């Protein structure tokens, strides 16, 4: 795992996901909750290949715009079908205005390319 700066706090509007794309098939959704927490998760619904950053955020959940599955921002666990598999989440650290995410090596390599 590798810590990488992916955004600044000023780029994150509360409860509006930001897609950080590394290549066509790899992206992370960054979300700043209404209470100021920052979360990172794989930007792909586990039910069907669709970008979660196209969805809505409310009460620490992100809802897939395609079929309505909702995932907990903190754990990635779904709580509304049709998704039954969790989406991967990543540790986040905010240093001043910079948002760092601890990415798996394969994503970090794409991000640094």
C-alpha atoms as a PDB file:
ATOM      1  CA  UNK A   1       0.000   0.000   0.000  1.00  0.00           C
ATOM      2  CA  UNK A   2       1.187   3.497  -0.861  1.00  0.00           C
ATOM      3  CA  UNK A   3      -0.020   6.865   0.447  1.00  0.00           C
ATOM      4  CA  UNK A   4      -0.702   9.296  -2.414  1.00  0.00           C
ATOM      5  CA  UNK A   5      -2.138  12.801  -2.516  1.00  0.00           C
ATOM      6  CA  UNK A   6      -5.329  12.598  -4.590  1.00  0.00           C
ATOM      7  CA  UNK A   7      -7.016  15.944  -3.963  1.00  0.00           C
ATOM      8  CA  UNK A   8      -7.254  19.035  -1.828  1.00  0.00           C
ATOM      9  CA  UNK A   9     -10.092  19.645   0.627  1.00  0.00           C
ATOM     10  CA  UNK A  10     -11.233  22.602  -1.469  1.00  0.00           C
ATOM     11  CA  UNK A  11     -11.947  20.202  -4.359  1.00  0.00           C
ATOM     12  CA  UNK A  12     -14.366  18.184  -2.222  1.00  0.00           C
ATOM     13  CA  UNK A  13     -17.842  19.637  -1.915  1.00  0.00           C
ATOM     14  CA  UNK A  14     -19.757  18.143   1.030  1.00  0.00           C
ATOM     15  CA  UNK A  15     -21.751  15.061  -0.016  1.00  0.00           C
ATOM     16  CA  UNK A  16     -20.725  15.356  -3.688  1.00  0.00           C
ATOM     17  CA  UNK A  17     -18.457  12.511  -4.851  1.00  0.00           C
ATOM     18  CA  UNK A  18     -15.280  13.321  -6.749  1.00  0.00           C
ATOM     19  CA  UNK A  19     -14.012  10.733  -9.234  1.00  0.00           C
ATOM     20  CA  UNK A  20     -10.219  10.369  -9.338  1.00  0.00           C
ATOM     21  CA  UNK A  21      -9.455   8.318 -12.425  1.00  0.00           C
ATOM     22  CA  UNK A  22      -6.196   6.431 -12.939  1.00  0.00           C
ATOM     23  CA  UNK A  23      -7.114   4.751 -16.218  1.00  0.00           C
ATOM     24  CA  UNK A  24     -10.302   3.674 -17.975  1.00  0.00           C
ATOM     25  CA  UNK A  25     -10.970   0.788 -15.552  1.00  0.00           C
ATOM     26  CA  UNK A  26      -9.511   2.142 -12.307  1.00  0.00           C
ATOM     27  CA  UNK A  27     -10.856   5.032 -10.253  1.00  0.00           C
ATOM     28  CA  UNK A  28     -11.488   6.061  -6.660  1.00  0.00           C
ATOM     29  CA  UNK A  29     -14.462   8.067  -5.416  1.00  0.00           C
ATOM     30  CA  UNK A  30     -13.556  10.639  -2.762  1.00  0.00           C
ATOM     31  CA  UNK A  31     -16.401  11.860  -0.587  1.00  0.00           C
ATOM     32  CA  UNK A  32     -16.514  14.575   2.061  1.00  0.00           C
ATOM     33  CA  UNK A  33     -19.433  13.903   4.385  1.00  0.00           C
ATOM     34  CA  UNK A  34     -21.629  16.637   5.840  1.00  0.00           C
ATOM     35  CA  UNK A  35     -19.778  16.295   9.173  1.00  0.00           C
ATOM     36  CA  UNK A  36     -16.391  16.854   7.456  1.00  0.00           C
ATOM     37  CA  UNK A  37     -15.108  13.273   7.312  1.00  0.00           C
ATOM     38  CA  UNK A  38     -13.341  12.254   4.107  1.00  0.00           C
ATOM     39  CA  UNK A  39     -13.737   8.769   2.627  1.00  0.00           C
ATOM     40  CA  UNK A  40     -12.287   6.898  -0.343  1.00  0.00           C
ATOM     41  CA  UNK A  41     -13.770   3.877  -2.059  1.00  0.00           C
ATOM     42  CA  UNK A  42     -13.489   2.010  -5.308  1.00  0.00           C
ATOM     43  CA  UNK A  43     -15.587   3.963  -7.801  1.00  0.00           C
ATOM     44  CA  UNK A  44     -17.415   0.948  -9.156  1.00  0.00           C
ATOM     45  CA  UNK A  45     -20.690  -0.547  -7.960  1.00  0.00           C
ATOM     46  CA  UNK A  46     -20.283  -4.231  -7.093  1.00  0.00           C
ATOM     47  CA  UNK A  47     -23.688  -5.087  -8.545  1.00  0.00           C
ATOM     48  CA  UNK A  48     -23.009  -3.842 -12.052  1.00  0.00           C
ATOM     49  CA  UNK A  49     -20.158  -1.923 -13.660  1.00  0.00           C
ATOM     50  CA  UNK A  50     -21.240   1.650 -12.921  1.00  0.00           C
ATOM     51  CA  UNK A  51     -19.457   4.644 -11.390  1.00  0.00           C
ATOM     52  CA  UNK A  52     -20.542   5.299  -7.800  1.00  0.00           C
ATOM     53  CA  UNK A  53     -19.392   8.915  -8.102  1.00  0.00           C
ATOM     54  CA  UNK A  54     -22.389   9.435 -10.416  1.00  0.00           C
ATOM     55  CA  UNK A  55     -24.652   8.753  -7.423  1.00  0.00           C
ATOM     56  CA  UNK A  56     -25.842  10.585  -4.328  1.00  0.00           C
ATOM     57  CA  UNK A  57     -24.424  10.860  -0.821  1.00  0.00           C
ATOM     58  CA  UNK A  58     -26.469  11.129   2.362  1.00  0.00           C
ATOM     59  CA  UNK A  59     -26.012   9.971   5.955  1.00  0.00           C
ATOM     60  CA  UNK A  60     -22.591   8.334   5.342  1.00  0.00           C
ATOM     61  CA  UNK A  61     -23.915   6.355   2.384  1.00  0.00           C
ATOM     62  CA  UNK A  62     -23.356   6.580  -1.342  1.00  0.00           C
ATOM     63  CA  UNK A  63     -26.172   5.442  -3.618  1.00  0.00           C
ATOM     64  CA  UNK A  64     -25.531   3.968  -7.038  1.00  0.00           C
ATOM     65  CA  UNK A  65     -27.468   5.974  -9.617  1.00  0.00           C
ATOM     66  CA  UNK A  66     -28.043   2.917 -11.803  1.00  0.00           C
ATOM     67  CA  UNK A  67     -30.032   0.563  -9.542  1.00  0.00           C
ATOM     68  CA  UNK A  68     -30.194   2.278  -6.146  1.00  0.00           C
ATOM     69  CA  UNK A  69     -27.844   0.113  -4.068  1.00  0.00           C
ATOM     70  CA  UNK A  70     -26.385   2.059  -1.143  1.00  0.00           C
ATOM     71  CA  UNK A  71     -22.935   1.527   0.373  1.00  0.00           C
ATOM     72  CA  UNK A  72     -21.617   2.679   3.741  1.00  0.00           C
ATOM     73  CA  UNK A  73     -18.778   5.166   3.150  1.00  0.00           C
ATOM     74  CA  UNK A  74     -16.892   3.882   6.205  1.00  0.00           C
ATOM     75  CA  UNK A  75     -17.070   0.139   5.548  1.00  0.00           C
ATOM     76  CA  UNK A  76     -18.167  -0.280   1.936  1.00  0.00           C
ATOM     77  CA  UNK A  77     -20.953  -2.629   3.030  1.00  0.00           C
ATOM     78  CA  UNK A  78     -24.161  -2.514   0.971  1.00  0.00           C
ATOM     79  CA  UNK A  79     -27.464  -2.121   2.797  1.00  0.00           C
ATOM     80  CA  UNK A  80     -29.919  -1.981  -0.096  1.00  0.00           C
ATOM     81  CA  UNK A  81     -30.113  -4.620  -2.850  1.00  0.00           C
ATOM     82  CA  UNK A  82     -29.418  -5.464  -5.568  1.00  0.00           C
ATOM     83  CA  UNK A  83     -25.746  -5.186  -4.472  1.00  0.00           C
ATOM     84  CA  UNK A  84     -24.740  -7.811  -1.912  1.00  0.00           C
ATOM     85  CA  UNK A  85     -20.935  -7.503  -2.104  1.00  0.00           C
ATOM     86  CA  UNK A  86     -19.052  -4.700  -0.339  1.00  0.00           C
ATOM     87  CA  UNK A  87     -17.165  -2.086  -2.327  1.00  0.00           C
ATOM     88  CA  UNK A  88     -13.501  -1.696  -1.356  1.00  0.00           C
ATOM     89  CA  UNK A  89     -12.663   1.265   0.867  1.00  0.00           C
ATOM     90  CA  UNK A  90      -9.253   2.859   1.401  1.00  0.00           C
ATOM     91  CA  UNK A  91      -7.707   4.628   4.410  1.00  0.00           C
ATOM     92  CA  UNK A  92      -7.706   8.437   4.143  1.00  0.00           C
ATOM     93  CA  UNK A  93      -5.519  10.976   5.903  1.00  0.00           C
ATOM     94  CA  UNK A  94      -5.968  14.744   5.670  1.00  0.00           C
ATOM     95  CA  UNK A  95      -2.808  16.800   6.139  1.00  0.00           C
ATOM     96  CA  UNK A  96      -3.621  20.490   6.109  1.00  0.00           C
ATOM     97  CA  UNK A  97      -5.499  20.944   2.822  1.00  0.00           C
ATOM     98  CA  UNK A  98      -4.161  17.767   1.198  1.00  0.00           C
ATOM     99  CA  UNK A  99      -6.115  14.497   1.013  1.00  0.00           C
ATOM    100  CA  UNK A 100      -3.946  11.359   1.002  1.00  0.00           C
ATOM    101  CA  UNK A 101      -5.268   7.880   0.281  1.00  0.00           C
ATOM    102  CA  UNK A 102      -3.493   4.599   1.042  1.00  0.00           C
ATOM    103  CA  UNK A 103      -3.807   2.766  -2.274  1.00  0.00           C
ATOM    104  CA  UNK A 104      -2.889  -0.796  -3.228  1.00  0.00           C
ATOM    105  CA  UNK A 105       0.348  -0.972  -5.178  1.00  0.00           C
ATOM    106  CA  UNK A 106      -1.366  -1.637  -8.515  1.00  0.00           C
ATOM    107  CA  UNK A 107      -3.525   1.502  -8.226  1.00  0.00           C
ATOM    108  CA  UNK A 108      -0.622   3.575  -6.898  1.00  0.00           C
ATOM    109  CA  UNK A 109       1.457   2.572  -9.935  1.00  0.00           C
ATOM    110  CA  UNK A 110      -1.334   3.743 -12.261  1.00  0.00           C
ATOM    111  CA  UNK A 111      -1.721   7.003 -10.322  1.00  0.00           C
ATOM    112  CA  UNK A 112       1.980   7.767 -10.539  1.00  0.00           C
ATOM    113  CA  UNK A 113       2.229   6.982 -14.256  1.00  0.00           C
END
